[in-house]
Amino acid sequence: MVTIDEQQALAQVCDRLAERYPAVPPVDIRRAVDTAHRRLDGRPVRNYVPVLVERAARETLRAAEGPRAAVLTAH
């Protein structure tokens, strides 16, 4: 069960990632956060879910950023 506190923490994760990756559309950031969050569904201990979600989403965004950066520097 997702609590209001967890929802607020995930919204803050989206905000931090949007600041860190300004070139990434907010919908892509939200998708990365939602995907990472779904992987933790059903886990009984929820204290660290926002931290784990942020790490996983950051890795996803960083991996997606790599090919874009290579294309931008090639031109």
PDB file of N, CA and C in Angstrom:
ATOM      1  N   MET A   1       0.840  -1.182   0.000  1.00  0.00           N
ATOM      2  CA  MET A   1       0.000   0.000   0.000  1.00  0.00           C
ATOM      3  C   MET A   1       0.888   1.249   0.000  1.00  0.00           C
ATOM      4  N   VAL A   2       0.610   2.137  -0.903  1.00  0.00           N
ATOM      5  CA  VAL A   2       1.360   3.385  -1.005  1.00  0.00           C
ATOM      6  C   VAL A   2       0.695   4.426  -0.112  1.00  0.00           C
ATOM      7  N   THR A   3       1.491   5.005   0.776  1.00  0.00           N
ATOM      8  CA  THR A   3       0.957   6.015   1.685  1.00  0.00           C
ATOM      9  C   THR A   3       1.073   7.398   1.044  1.00  0.00           C
ATOM     10  N   ILE A   4       0.422   8.354   1.659  1.00  0.00           N
ATOM     11  CA  ILE A   4       0.509   9.734   1.178  1.00  0.00           C
ATOM     12  C   ILE A   4       1.944  10.231   1.300  1.00  0.00           C
ATOM     13  N   ASP A   5       2.615   9.866   2.397  1.00  0.00           N
ATOM     14  CA  ASP A   5       4.013  10.266   2.567  1.00  0.00           C
ATOM     15  C   ASP A   5       4.878   9.718   1.438  1.00  0.00           C
ATOM     16  N   GLU A   6       4.631   8.472   1.056  1.00  0.00           N
ATOM     17  CA  GLU A   6       5.405   7.867  -0.028  1.00  0.00           C
ATOM     18  C   GLU A   6       5.102   8.566  -1.351  1.00  0.00           C
ATOM     19  N   GLN A   7       3.850   8.896  -1.586  1.00  0.00           N
ATOM     20  CA  GLN A   7       3.484   9.624  -2.808  1.00  0.00           C
ATOM     21  C   GLN A   7       4.170  10.987  -2.851  1.00  0.00           C
ATOM     22  N   GLN A   8       4.193  11.678  -1.733  1.00  0.00           N
ATOM     23  CA  GLN A   8       4.861  12.979  -1.677  1.00  0.00           C
ATOM     24  C   GLN A   8       6.359  12.827  -1.913  1.00  0.00           C
ATOM     25  N   ALA A   9       6.955  11.799  -1.341  1.00  0.00           N
ATOM     26  CA  ALA A   9       8.380  11.553  -1.530  1.00  0.00           C
ATOM     27  C   ALA A   9       8.685  11.249  -2.994  1.00  0.00           C
ATOM     28  N   LEU A  10       7.813  10.507  -3.657  1.00  0.00           N
ATOM     29  CA  LEU A  10       8.017  10.194  -5.072  1.00  0.00           C
ATOM     30  C   LEU A  10       7.860  11.445  -5.939  1.00  0.00           C
ATOM     31  N   ALA A  11       6.962  12.327  -5.565  1.00  0.00           N
ATOM     32  CA  ALA A  11       6.832  13.598  -6.284  1.00  0.00           C
ATOM     33  C   ALA A  11       8.109  14.417  -6.136  1.00  0.00           C
ATOM     34  N   GLN A  12       8.697  14.392  -4.949  1.00  0.00           N
ATOM     35  CA  GLN A  12       9.959  15.100  -4.728  1.00  0.00           C
ATOM     36  C   GLN A  12      11.088  14.458  -5.529  1.00  0.00           C
ATOM     37  N   VAL A  13      11.069  13.140  -5.658  1.00  0.00           N
ATOM     38  CA  VAL A  13      12.054  12.445  -6.489  1.00  0.00           C
ATOM     39  C   VAL A  13      11.945  12.945  -7.927  1.00  0.00           C
ATOM     40  N   CYS A  14      10.729  13.048  -8.429  1.00  0.00           N
ATOM     41  CA  CYS A  14      10.518  13.553  -9.796  1.00  0.00           C
ATOM     42  C   CYS A  14      11.065  14.965  -9.941  1.00  0.00           C
ATOM     43  N   ASP A  15      10.816  15.795  -8.949  1.00  0.00           N
ATOM     44  CA  ASP A  15      11.314  17.175  -8.989  1.00  0.00           C
ATOM     45  C   ASP A  15      12.840  17.217  -9.027  1.00  0.00           C
ATOM     46  N   ARG A  16      13.493  16.409  -8.180  1.00  0.00           N
ATOM     47  CA  ARG A  16      14.965  16.392  -8.151  1.00  0.00           C
ATOM     48  C   ARG A  16      15.543  15.885  -9.463  1.00  0.00           C
ATOM     49  N   LEU A  17      14.913  14.855 -10.014  1.00  0.00           N
ATOM     50  CA  LEU A  17      15.404  14.312 -11.278  1.00  0.00           C
ATOM     51  C   LEU A  17      15.183  15.294 -12.428  1.00  0.00           C
ATOM     52  N   ALA A  18      14.097  16.044 -12.375  1.00  0.00           N
ATOM     53  CA  ALA A  18      13.838  17.059 -13.404  1.00  0.00           C
ATOM     54  C   ALA A  18      14.900  18.149 -13.351  1.00  0.00           C
ATOM     55  N   GLU A  19      15.348  18.501 -12.158  1.00  0.00           N
ATOM     56  CA  GLU A  19      16.423  19.487 -12.033  1.00  0.00           C
ATOM     57  C   GLU A  19      17.744  18.927 -12.538  1.00  0.00           C
ATOM     58  N   ARG A  20      17.982  17.672 -12.259  1.00  0.00           N
ATOM     59  CA  ARG A  20      19.246  17.034 -12.648  1.00  0.00           C
ATOM     60  C   ARG A  20      19.297  16.748 -14.152  1.00  0.00           C
ATOM     61  N   TYR A  21      18.161  16.451 -14.755  1.00  0.00           N
ATOM     62  CA  TYR A  21      18.072  16.124 -16.179  1.00  0.00           C
ATOM     63  C   TYR A  21      17.086  17.072 -16.871  1.00  0.00           C
ATOM     64  N   PRO A  22      17.448  18.331 -17.030  1.00  0.00           N
ATOM     65  CA  PRO A  22      16.511  19.305 -17.589  1.00  0.00           C
ATOM     66  C   PRO A  22      16.120  19.022 -19.045  1.00  0.00           C
ATOM     67  N   ALA A  23      16.929  18.284 -19.775  1.00  0.00           N
ATOM     68  CA  ALA A  23      16.624  17.990 -21.174  1.00  0.00           C
ATOM     69  C   ALA A  23      15.637  16.830 -21.327  1.00  0.00           C
ATOM     70  N   VAL A  24      15.403  16.115 -20.248  1.00  0.00           N
ATOM     71  CA  VAL A  24      14.489  14.969 -20.299  1.00  0.00           C
ATOM     72  C   VAL A  24      13.072  15.452 -20.030  1.00  0.00           C
ATOM     73  N   PRO A  25      12.137  15.113 -20.905  1.00  0.00           N
ATOM     74  CA  PRO A  25      10.743  15.531 -20.690  1.00  0.00           C
ATOM     75  C   PRO A  25      10.198  14.973 -19.366  1.00  0.00           C
ATOM     76  N   PRO A  26       9.403  15.766 -18.663  1.00  0.00           N
ATOM     77  CA  PRO A  26       8.834  15.310 -17.388  1.00  0.00           C
ATOM     78  C   PRO A  26       8.094  13.978 -17.483  1.00  0.00           C
ATOM     79  N   VAL A  27       7.454  13.717 -18.604  1.00  0.00           N
ATOM     80  CA  VAL A  27       6.731  12.452 -18.756  1.00  0.00           C
ATOM     81  C   VAL A  27       7.703  11.277 -18.731  1.00  0.00           C
ATOM     82  N   ASP A  28       8.894  11.442 -19.282  1.00  0.00           N
ATOM     83  CA  ASP A  28       9.892  10.374 -19.262  1.00  0.00           C
ATOM     84  C   ASP A  28      10.443  10.169 -17.851  1.00  0.00           C
ATOM     85  N   ILE A  29      10.606  11.256 -17.131  1.00  0.00           N
ATOM     86  CA  ILE A  29      11.067  11.153 -15.742  1.00  0.00           C
ATOM     87  C   ILE A  29      10.022  10.426 -14.909  1.00  0.00           C
ATOM     88  N   ARG A  30       8.774  10.812 -15.065  1.00  0.00           N
ATOM     89  CA  ARG A  30       7.690  10.164 -14.306  1.00  0.00           C
ATOM     90  C   ARG A  30       7.602   8.685 -14.653  1.00  0.00           C
ATOM     91  N   ARG A  31       7.795   8.367 -15.932  1.00  0.00           N
ATOM     92  CA  ARG A  31       7.743   6.967 -16.363  1.00  0.00           C
ATOM     93  C   ARG A  31       8.865   6.160 -15.697  1.00  0.00           C
ATOM     94  N   ALA A  32      10.070   6.726 -15.640  1.00  0.00           N
ATOM     95  CA  ALA A  32      11.197   6.041 -15.003  1.00  0.00           C
ATOM     96  C   ALA A  32      10.929   5.833 -13.513  1.00  0.00           C
ATOM     97  N   VAL A  33      10.373   6.832 -12.864  1.00  0.00           N
ATOM     98  CA  VAL A  33      10.047   6.729 -11.440  1.00  0.00           C
ATOM     99  C   VAL A  33       8.942   5.691 -11.225  1.00  0.00           C
ATOM    100  N   ASP A  34       7.906   5.732 -12.036  1.00  0.00           N
ATOM    101  CA  ASP A  34       6.804   4.771 -11.894  1.00  0.00           C
ATOM    102  C   ASP A  34       7.278   3.339 -12.128  1.00  0.00           C
ATOM    103  N   THR A  35       8.128   3.143 -13.125  1.00  0.00           N
ATOM    104  CA  THR A  35       8.650   1.807 -13.416  1.00  0.00           C
ATOM    105  C   THR A  35       9.470   1.283 -12.244  1.00  0.00           C
ATOM    106  N   ALA A  36      10.350   2.133 -11.719  1.00  0.00           N
ATOM    107  CA  ALA A  36      11.164   1.731 -10.569  1.00  0.00           C
ATOM    108  C   ALA A  36      10.279   1.449  -9.354  1.00  0.00           C
ATOM    109  N   HIS A  37       9.254   2.246  -9.177  1.00  0.00           N
ATOM    110  CA  HIS A  37       8.353   2.073  -8.031  1.00  0.00           C
ATOM    111  C   HIS A  37       7.573   0.771  -8.136  1.00  0.00           C
ATOM    112  N   ARG A  38       7.119   0.438  -9.330  1.00  0.00           N
ATOM    113  CA  ARG A  38       6.358  -0.807  -9.522  1.00  0.00           C
ATOM    114  C   ARG A  38       7.202  -2.037  -9.171  1.00  0.00           C
ATOM    115  N   ARG A  39       8.501  -1.959  -9.409  1.00  0.00           N
ATOM    116  CA  ARG A  39       9.384  -3.088  -9.077  1.00  0.00           C
ATOM    117  C   ARG A  39       9.399  -3.370  -7.574  1.00  0.00           C
ATOM    118  N   LEU A  40       9.039  -2.390  -6.776  1.00  0.00           N
ATOM    119  CA  LEU A  40       9.053  -2.552  -5.328  1.00  0.00           C
ATOM    120  C   LEU A  40       7.668  -2.793  -4.742  1.00  0.00           C
ATOM    121  N   ASP A  41       6.661  -2.966  -5.604  1.00  0.00           N
ATOM    122  CA  ASP A  41       5.304  -3.252  -5.121  1.00  0.00           C
ATOM    123  C   ASP A  41       5.309  -4.520  -4.273  1.00  0.00           C
ATOM    124  N   GLY A  42       4.556  -4.473  -3.212  1.00  0.00           N
ATOM    125  CA  GLY A  42       4.384  -5.639  -2.374  1.00  0.00           C
ATOM    126  C   GLY A  42       5.488  -5.855  -1.354  1.00  0.00           C
ATOM    127  N   ARG A  43       6.512  -5.033  -1.372  1.00  0.00           N
ATOM    128  CA  ARG A  43       7.580  -5.162  -0.379  1.00  0.00           C
ATOM    129  C   ARG A  43       7.062  -4.633   0.954  1.00  0.00           C
ATOM    130  N   PRO A  44       7.271  -5.380   2.013  1.00  0.00           N
ATOM    131  CA  PRO A  44       6.683  -4.974   3.297  1.00  0.00           C
ATOM    132  C   PRO A  44       7.337  -3.749   3.936  1.00  0.00           C
ATOM    133  N   VAL A  45       8.623  -3.583   3.766  1.00  0.00           N
ATOM    134  CA  VAL A  45       9.308  -2.442   4.375  1.00  0.00           C
ATOM    135  C   VAL A  45       9.349  -1.315   3.358  1.00  0.00           C
ATOM    136  N   ARG A  46       8.701  -0.201   3.681  1.00  0.00           N
ATOM    137  CA  ARG A  46       8.525   0.887   2.716  1.00  0.00           C
ATOM    138  C   ARG A  46       9.432   2.084   3.009  1.00  0.00           C
ATOM    139  N   ASN A  47      10.180   2.060   4.092  1.00  0.00           N
ATOM    140  CA  ASN A  47      10.966   3.223   4.518  1.00  0.00           C
ATOM    141  C   ASN A  47      11.931   3.729   3.454  1.00  0.00           C
ATOM    142  N   TYR A  48      12.553   2.828   2.732  1.00  0.00           N
ATOM    143  CA  TYR A  48      13.596   3.214   1.792  1.00  0.00           C
ATOM    144  C   TYR A  48      13.135   3.204   0.336  1.00  0.00           C
ATOM    145  N   VAL A  49      11.865   2.996   0.112  1.00  0.00           N
ATOM    146  CA  VAL A  49      11.352   2.920  -1.254  1.00  0.00           C
ATOM    147  C   VAL A  49      11.684   4.173  -2.062  1.00  0.00           C
ATOM    148  N   PRO A  50      11.452   5.397  -1.554  1.00  0.00           N
ATOM    149  CA  PRO A  50      11.786   6.573  -2.364  1.00  0.00           C
ATOM    150  C   PRO A  50      13.273   6.651  -2.737  1.00  0.00           C
ATOM    151  N   VAL A  51      14.145   6.274  -1.820  1.00  0.00           N
ATOM    152  CA  VAL A  51      15.580   6.299  -2.115  1.00  0.00           C
ATOM    153  C   VAL A  51      15.916   5.279  -3.197  1.00  0.00           C
ATOM    154  N   LEU A  52      15.382   4.076  -3.064  1.00  0.00           N
ATOM    155  CA  LEU A  52      15.638   3.032  -4.053  1.00  0.00           C
ATOM    156  C   LEU A  52      15.056   3.395  -5.407  1.00  0.00           C
ATOM    157  N   VAL A  53      13.878   3.987  -5.408  1.00  0.00           N
ATOM    158  CA  VAL A  53      13.243   4.415  -6.655  1.00  0.00           C
ATOM    159  C   VAL A  53      14.094   5.493  -7.322  1.00  0.00           C
ATOM    160  N   GLU A  54      14.563   6.454  -6.552  1.00  0.00           N
ATOM    161  CA  GLU A  54      15.373   7.535  -7.133  1.00  0.00           C
ATOM    162  C   GLU A  54      16.651   6.980  -7.758  1.00  0.00           C
ATOM    163  N   ARG A  55      17.300   6.075  -7.064  1.00  0.00           N
ATOM    164  CA  ARG A  55      18.525   5.472  -7.625  1.00  0.00           C
ATOM    165  C   ARG A  55      18.247   4.740  -8.925  1.00  0.00           C
ATOM    166  N   ALA A  56      17.210   3.926  -8.939  1.00  0.00           N
ATOM    167  CA  ALA A  56      16.888   3.153 -10.138  1.00  0.00           C
ATOM    168  C   ALA A  56      16.479   4.069 -11.289  1.00  0.00           C
ATOM    169  N   ALA A  57      15.670   5.077 -11.006  1.00  0.00           N
ATOM    170  CA  ALA A  57      15.233   6.005 -12.055  1.00  0.00           C
ATOM    171  C   ALA A  57      16.423   6.799 -12.585  1.00  0.00           C
ATOM    172  N   ARG A  58      17.334   7.204 -11.701  1.00  0.00           N
ATOM    173  CA  ARG A  58      18.525   7.944 -12.124  1.00  0.00           C
ATOM    174  C   ARG A  58      19.378   7.082 -13.062  1.00  0.00           C
ATOM    175  N   GLU A  59      19.532   5.826 -12.739  1.00  0.00           N
ATOM    176  CA  GLU A  59      20.293   4.918 -13.607  1.00  0.00           C
ATOM    177  C   GLU A  59      19.620   4.777 -14.972  1.00  0.00           C
ATOM    178  N   THR A  60      18.306   4.672 -14.977  1.00  0.00           N
ATOM    179  CA  THR A  60      17.560   4.578 -16.235  1.00  0.00           C
ATOM    180  C   THR A  60      17.755   5.836 -17.067  1.00  0.00           C
ATOM    181  N   LEU A  61      17.628   6.989 -16.435  1.00  0.00           N
ATOM    182  CA  LEU A  61      17.772   8.254 -17.158  1.00  0.00           C
ATOM    183  C   LEU A  61      19.209   8.460 -17.625  1.00  0.00           C
ATOM    184  N   ARG A  62      20.167   8.081 -16.811  1.00  0.00           N
ATOM    185  CA  ARG A  62      21.570   8.215 -17.187  1.00  0.00           C
ATOM    186  C   ARG A  62      21.880   7.321 -18.392  1.00  0.00           C
ATOM    187  N   ALA A  63      21.350   6.112 -18.398  1.00  0.00           N
ATOM    188  CA  ALA A  63      21.564   5.189 -19.513  1.00  0.00           C
ATOM    189  C   ALA A  63      20.925   5.726 -20.792  1.00  0.00           C
ATOM    190  N   ALA A  64      19.741   6.317 -20.655  1.00  0.00           N
ATOM    191  CA  ALA A  64      19.052   6.879 -21.820  1.00  0.00           C
ATOM    192  C   ALA A  64      19.756   8.126 -22.319  1.00  0.00           C
ATOM    193  N   GLU A  65      20.394   8.848 -21.412  1.00  0.00           N
ATOM    194  CA  GLU A  65      21.088  10.076 -21.766  1.00  0.00           C
ATOM    195  C   GLU A  65      22.352   9.786 -22.572  1.00  0.00           C
ATOM    196  N   GLY A  66      22.988   8.648 -22.326  1.00  0.00           N
ATOM    197  CA  GLY A  66      24.227   8.284 -23.000  1.00  0.00           C
ATOM    198  C   GLY A  66      24.114   8.322 -24.514  1.00  0.00           C
ATOM    199  N   PRO A  67      23.175   7.604 -25.127  1.00  0.00           N
ATOM    200  CA  PRO A  67      23.058   7.652 -26.584  1.00  0.00           C
ATOM    201  C   PRO A  67      22.731   9.044 -27.120  1.00  0.00           C
ATOM    202  N   ARG A  68      21.908   9.800 -26.379  1.00  0.00           N
ATOM    203  CA  ARG A  68      21.598  11.165 -26.817  1.00  0.00           C
ATOM    204  C   ARG A  68      22.843  12.034 -26.806  1.00  0.00           C
ATOM    205  N   ALA A  69      23.641  11.910 -25.748  1.00  0.00           N
ATOM    206  CA  ALA A  69      24.857  12.697 -25.649  1.00  0.00           C
ATOM    207  C   ALA A  69      25.812  12.347 -26.774  1.00  0.00           C
ATOM    208  N   ALA A  70      25.897  11.071 -27.140  1.00  0.00           N
ATOM    209  CA  ALA A  70      26.781  10.652 -28.231  1.00  0.00           C
ATOM    210  C   ALA A  70      26.307  11.233 -29.555  1.00  0.00           C
ATOM    211  N   VAL A  71      25.010  11.276 -29.775  1.00  0.00           N
ATOM    212  CA  VAL A  71      24.470  11.864 -31.005  1.00  0.00           C
ATOM    213  C   VAL A  71      24.731  13.352 -31.060  1.00  0.00           C
ATOM    214  N   LEU A  72      24.551  14.037 -29.947  1.00  0.00           N
ATOM    215  CA  LEU A  72      24.757  15.480 -29.909  1.00  0.00           C
ATOM    216  C   LEU A  72      26.217  15.853 -30.137  1.00  0.00           C
ATOM    217  N   THR A  73      27.140  15.079 -29.612  1.00  0.00           N
ATOM    218  CA  THR A  73      28.547  15.412 -29.785  1.00  0.00           C
ATOM    219  C   THR A  73      29.066  14.995 -31.146  1.00  0.00           C
ATOM    220  N   ALA A  74      28.378  14.111 -31.838  1.00  0.00           N
ATOM    221  CA  ALA A  74      28.812  13.668 -33.171  1.00  0.00           C
ATOM    222  C   ALA A  74      28.530  14.724 -34.227  1.00  0.00           C
ATOM    223  N   HIS A  75      27.621  15.623 -33.960  1.00  0.00           N
ATOM    224  CA  HIS A  75      27.251  16.638 -34.963  1.00  0.00           C
ATOM    225  C   HIS A  75      27.937  17.933 -34.744  1.00  0.00           C
TER     226      HIS A  75
END
